[in-house]
C-alpha atoms as a PDB file:
ATOM      1  CA  UNK A   1      42.440  47.768  97.063  1.00  0.00           C
ATOM      2  CA  UNK A   2      44.788  47.673 100.007  1.00  0.00           C
ATOM      3  CA  UNK A   3      44.532  45.193 102.844  1.00  0.00           C
ATOM      4  CA  UNK A   4      43.290  47.803 105.351  1.00  0.00           C
ATOM      5  CA  UNK A   5      40.596  49.028 102.970  1.00  0.00           C
ATOM      6  CA  UNK A   6      39.506  45.453 102.457  1.00  0.00           C
ATOM      7  CA  UNK A   7      39.347  44.876 106.215  1.00  0.00           C
ATOM      8  CA  UNK A   8      37.249  48.053 106.617  1.00  0.00           C
ATOM      9  CA  UNK A   9      34.824  46.910 103.911  1.00  0.00           C
ATOM     10  CA  UNK A  10      34.490  43.474 105.549  1.00  0.00           C
ATOM     11  CA  UNK A  11      33.860  45.082 108.946  1.00  0.00           C
ATOM     12  CA  UNK A  12      31.222  47.413 107.472  1.00  0.00           C
ATOM     13  CA  UNK A  13      29.399  44.488 105.870  1.00  0.00           C
ATOM     14  CA  UNK A  14      29.641  42.452 109.066  1.00  0.00           C
ATOM     15  CA  UNK A  15      28.174  45.322 111.101  1.00  0.00           C
ATOM     16  CA  UNK A  16      25.444  45.751 108.548  1.00  0.00           C
ATOM     17  CA  UNK A  17      24.631  42.028 108.699  1.00  0.00           C
ATOM     18  CA  UNK A  18      24.545  42.107 112.529  1.00  0.00           C
ATOM     19  CA  UNK A  19      22.267  45.134 112.531  1.00  0.00           C
ATOM     20  CA  UNK A  20      19.938  43.424 110.058  1.00  0.00           C
ATOM     21  CA  UNK A  21      19.982  40.291 112.189  1.00  0.00           C
ATOM     22  CA  UNK A  22      19.169  42.274 115.333  1.00  0.00           C
ATOM     23  CA  UNK A  23      16.491  44.176 113.511  1.00  0.00           C
ATOM     24  CA  UNK A  24      14.928  40.963 112.208  1.00  0.00           C
ATOM     25  CA  UNK A  25      14.872  39.438 115.694  1.00  0.00           C
ATOM     26  CA  UNK A  26      13.261  42.490 117.276  1.00  0.00           C
ATOM     27  CA  UNK A  27       9.901  41.390 118.752  1.00  0.00           C
ATOM     28  CA  UNK A  28       8.404  44.871 118.664  1.00  0.00           C
ATOM     29  CA  UNK A  29       9.191  45.183 114.975  1.00  0.00           C
ATOM     30  CA  UNK A  30       7.579  41.832 114.177  1.00  0.00           C
ATOM     31  CA  UNK A  31       4.505  42.637 116.260  1.00  0.00           C
ATOM     32  CA  UNK A  32       4.144  45.941 114.457  1.00  0.00           C
ATOM     33  CA  UNK A  33       4.582  44.305 111.048  1.00  0.00           C
ATOM     34  CA  UNK A  34       2.136  41.526 111.965  1.00  0.00           C
ATOM     35  CA  UNK A  35      -0.472  44.060 113.101  1.00  0.00           C
ATOM     36  CA  UNK A  36      -0.003  46.154 109.979  1.00  0.00           C
ATOM     37  CA  UNK A  37      -0.258  43.092 107.764  1.00  0.00           C
ATOM     38  CA  UNK A  38      -3.411  41.919 109.571  1.00  0.00           C
ATOM     39  CA  UNK A  39      -5.012  45.342 109.064  1.00  0.00           C
ATOM     40  CA  UNK A  40      -4.168  45.319 105.357  1.00  0.00           C
ATOM     41  CA  UNK A  41      -5.515  41.800 104.909  1.00  0.00           C
ATOM     42  CA  UNK A  42      -8.733  42.780 106.711  1.00  0.00           C
ATOM     43  CA  UNK A  43      -9.108  45.835 104.458  1.00  0.00           C
ATOM     44  CA  UNK A  44      -8.608  43.760 101.324  1.00  0.00           C
ATOM     45  CA  UNK A  45     -10.927  41.045 102.623  1.00  0.00           C
ATOM     46  CA  UNK A  46     -13.680  43.553 103.373  1.00  0.00           C
ATOM     47  CA  UNK A  47     -13.336  45.119  99.935  1.00  0.00           C
ATOM     48  CA  UNK A  48     -13.476  41.699  98.258  1.00  0.00           C
ATOM     49  CA  UNK A  49     -16.617  40.808 100.248  1.00  0.00           C
ATOM     50  CA  UNK A  50     -18.255  44.117  99.326  1.00  0.00           C
ATOM     51  CA  UNK A  51     -17.491  43.751  95.642  1.00  0.00           C
ATOM     52  CA  UNK A  52     -18.596  40.118  95.630  1.00  0.00           C
ATOM     53  CA  UNK A  53     -21.933  41.065  97.204  1.00  0.00           C
ATOM     54  CA  UNK A  54     -22.404  43.923  94.725  1.00  0.00           C
ATOM     55  CA  UNK A  55     -21.569  41.703  91.751  1.00  0.00           C
ATOM     56  CA  UNK A  56     -23.801  38.922  93.039  1.00  0.00           C
ATOM     57  CA  UNK A  57     -26.722  41.348  93.417  1.00  0.00           C
ATOM     58  CA  UNK A  58     -26.190  42.674  89.901  1.00  0.00           C
ATOM     59  CA  UNK A  59     -26.088  39.154  88.470  1.00  0.00           C
ATOM     60  CA  UNK A  60     -29.269  38.204  90.353  1.00  0.00           C
ATOM     61  CA  UNK A  61     -31.064  41.277  88.989  1.00  0.00           C
ATOM     62  CA  UNK A  62     -29.846  40.544  85.457  1.00  0.00           C
ATOM     63  CA  UNK A  63     -30.914  36.899  85.777  1.00  0.00           C
ATOM     64  CA  UNK A  64     -34.378  37.918  86.989  1.00  0.00           C
ATOM     65  CA  UNK A  65     -34.771  40.455  84.198  1.00  0.00           C
ATOM     66  CA  UNK A  66     -33.597  37.947  81.601  1.00  0.00           C
ATOM     67  CA  UNK A  67     -36.161  35.416  82.767  1.00  0.00           C
ATOM     68  CA  UNK A  68     -38.936  38.012  82.889  1.00  0.00           C
ATOM     69  CA  UNK A  69     -39.309  38.190  86.641  1.00  0.00           C
ATOM     70  CA  UNK A  70     -39.671  41.937  86.607  1.00  0.00           C
ATOM     71  CA  UNK A  71     -43.079  43.543  86.256  1.00  0.00           C
ATOM     72  CA  UNK A  72     -42.264  45.519  83.118  1.00  0.00           C
ATOM     73  CA  UNK A  73     -39.920  43.103  81.354  1.00  0.00           C
ATOM     74  CA  UNK A  74     -42.507  40.774  79.737  1.00  0.00           C
ATOM     75  CA  UNK A  75     -44.628  43.650  78.444  1.00  0.00           C
ATOM     76  CA  UNK A  76     -41.599  45.563  77.197  1.00  0.00           C
ATOM     77  CA  UNK A  77     -40.221  42.431  75.539  1.00  0.00           C
ATOM     78  CA  UNK A  78     -43.548  41.756  73.847  1.00  0.00           C
ATOM     79  CA  UNK A  79     -43.943  45.312  72.592  1.00  0.00           C
ATOM     80  CA  UNK A  80     -40.336  45.404  71.445  1.00  0.00           C
ATOM     81  CA  UNK A  81     -40.834  42.133  69.560  1.00  0.00           C
ATOM     82  CA  UNK A  82     -43.981  43.458  67.932  1.00  0.00           C
ATOM     83  CA  UNK A  83     -42.160  46.612  66.882  1.00  0.00           C
ATOM     84  CA  UNK A  84     -39.237  44.698  65.421  1.00  0.00           C
ATOM     85  CA  UNK A  85     -41.598  42.310  63.626  1.00  0.00           C
ATOM     86  CA  UNK A  86     -43.609  45.145  62.102  1.00  0.00           C
ATOM     87  CA  UNK A  87     -40.444  46.941  61.026  1.00  0.00           C
ATOM     88  CA  UNK A  88     -38.986  43.851  59.365  1.00  0.00           C
ATOM     89  CA  UNK A  89     -42.332  43.081  57.777  1.00  0.00           C
ATOM     90  CA  UNK A  90     -42.552  46.542  56.276  1.00  0.00           C
ATOM     91  CA  UNK A  91     -39.008  46.369  54.963  1.00  0.00           C
ATOM     92  CA  UNK A  92     -39.378  42.923  53.397  1.00  0.00           C
ATOM     93  CA  UNK A  93     -42.959  43.254  52.125  1.00  0.00           C
ATOM     94  CA  UNK A  94     -43.297  42.266  48.443  1.00  0.00           C
ATOM     95  CA  UNK A  95     -45.935  44.958  47.805  1.00  0.00           C
ATOM     96  CA  UNK A  96     -45.204  48.596  47.109  1.00  0.00           C
ATOM     97  CA  UNK A  97     -45.132  51.160  49.949  1.00  0.00           C
ATOM     98  CA  UNK A  98     -48.639  52.612  49.478  1.00  0.00           C
ATOM     99  CA  UNK A  99     -50.275  49.186  49.370  1.00  0.00           C
ATOM    100  CA  UNK A 100     -48.325  47.999  52.444  1.00  0.00           C
ATOM    101  CA  UNK A 101     -49.315  51.090  54.425  1.00  0.00           C
ATOM    102  CA  UNK A 102     -52.981  50.614  53.495  1.00  0.00           C
ATOM    103  CA  UNK A 103     -52.959  46.969  54.625  1.00  0.00           C
ATOM    104  CA  UNK A 104     -51.122  47.891  57.820  1.00  0.00           C
ATOM    105  CA  UNK A 105     -53.550  50.742  58.566  1.00  0.00           C
ATOM    106  CA  UNK A 106     -56.566  48.462  57.990  1.00  0.00           C
ATOM    107  CA  UNK A 107     -55.174  45.864  60.397  1.00  0.00           C
ATOM    108  CA  UNK A 108     -54.460  48.486  63.078  1.00  0.00           C
ATOM    109  CA  UNK A 109     -57.972  49.926  62.719  1.00  0.00           C
ATOM    110  CA  UNK A 110     -59.452  46.421  62.946  1.00  0.00           C
ATOM    111  CA  UNK A 111     -57.454  45.721  66.104  1.00  0.00           C
ATOM    112  CA  UNK A 112     -58.567  49.032  67.588  1.00  0.00           C
ATOM    113  CA  UNK A 113     -62.211  48.226  66.828  1.00  0.00           C
ATOM    114  CA  UNK A 114     -61.935  44.763  68.442  1.00  0.00           C
ATOM    115  CA  UNK A 115     -60.409  46.292  71.580  1.00  0.00           C
ATOM    116  CA  UNK A 116     -63.150  48.915  71.686  1.00  0.00           C
ATOM    117  CA  UNK A 117     -65.843  46.206  71.320  1.00  0.00           C
ATOM    118  CA  UNK A 118     -64.352  44.143  74.130  1.00  0.00           C
ATOM    119  CA  UNK A 119     -64.159  47.113  76.463  1.00  0.00           C
ATOM    120  CA  UNK A 120     -67.768  48.116  75.766  1.00  0.00           C
ATOM    121  CA  UNK A 121     -68.934  44.505  76.285  1.00  0.00           C
ATOM    122  CA  UNK A 122     -67.303  44.469  79.724  1.00  0.00           C
ATOM    123  CA  UNK A 123     -68.463  47.981  80.676  1.00  0.00           C
ATOM    124  CA  UNK A 124     -71.684  46.884  82.492  1.00  0.00           C
ATOM    125  CA  UNK A 125     -69.702  44.358  84.531  1.00  0.00           C
ATOM    126  CA  UNK A 126     -67.183  46.993  85.517  1.00  0.00           C
ATOM    127  CA  UNK A 127     -69.899  49.475  86.477  1.00  0.00           C
ATOM    128  CA  UNK A 128     -71.652  46.906  88.669  1.00  0.00           C
ATOM    129  CA  UNK A 129     -68.482  45.934  90.531  1.00  0.00           C
ATOM    130  CA  UNK A 130     -66.978  49.395  90.873  1.00  0.00           C
ATOM    131  CA  UNK A 131     -67.408  50.850  94.401  1.00  0.00           C
ATOM    132  CA  UNK A 132     -68.779  54.352  94.739  1.00  0.00           C
ATOM    133  CA  UNK A 133     -66.116  57.022  94.850  1.00  0.00           C
ATOM    134  CA  UNK A 134     -68.076  58.969  97.463  1.00  0.00           C
ATOM    135  CA  UNK A 135     -68.544  56.013  99.778  1.00  0.00           C
ATOM    136  CA  UNK A 136     -72.349  56.445  99.804  1.00  0.00           C
ATOM    137  CA  UNK A 137     -73.093  53.704  97.241  1.00  0.00           C
ATOM    138  CA  UNK A 138     -75.627  55.996  95.567  1.00  0.00           C
ATOM    139  CA  UNK A 139     -77.550  56.887  98.740  1.00  0.00           C
END
């Protein structure tokens, strides 16, 4: 590389460095960059807040459901447990299939009869406390 080419290259780099220096000291540029950065940070901050609130709500709902604070969760858990227990009992029963089904059927019929007895015992009480559907109270 000749001396004049070297001088030209040095001058080009010096001009480039001066332009970068002037550009970096430009107040309008920095104000624009600062405003743009502030907007981006606000956008990210809002999105983080939104996602945090959504996640927090989901965790609260899951916590409530896990602890049975929903109206259907205790009943569903109980019925699911009964179903699983019956299924495991049928699979692991030492008796043959026909005998197990007969015992199971007898127990279900007995439970049905007890429920029917209880509901008929309480029927007079329910009739006495039930308001008239016509609003006339039998008049």
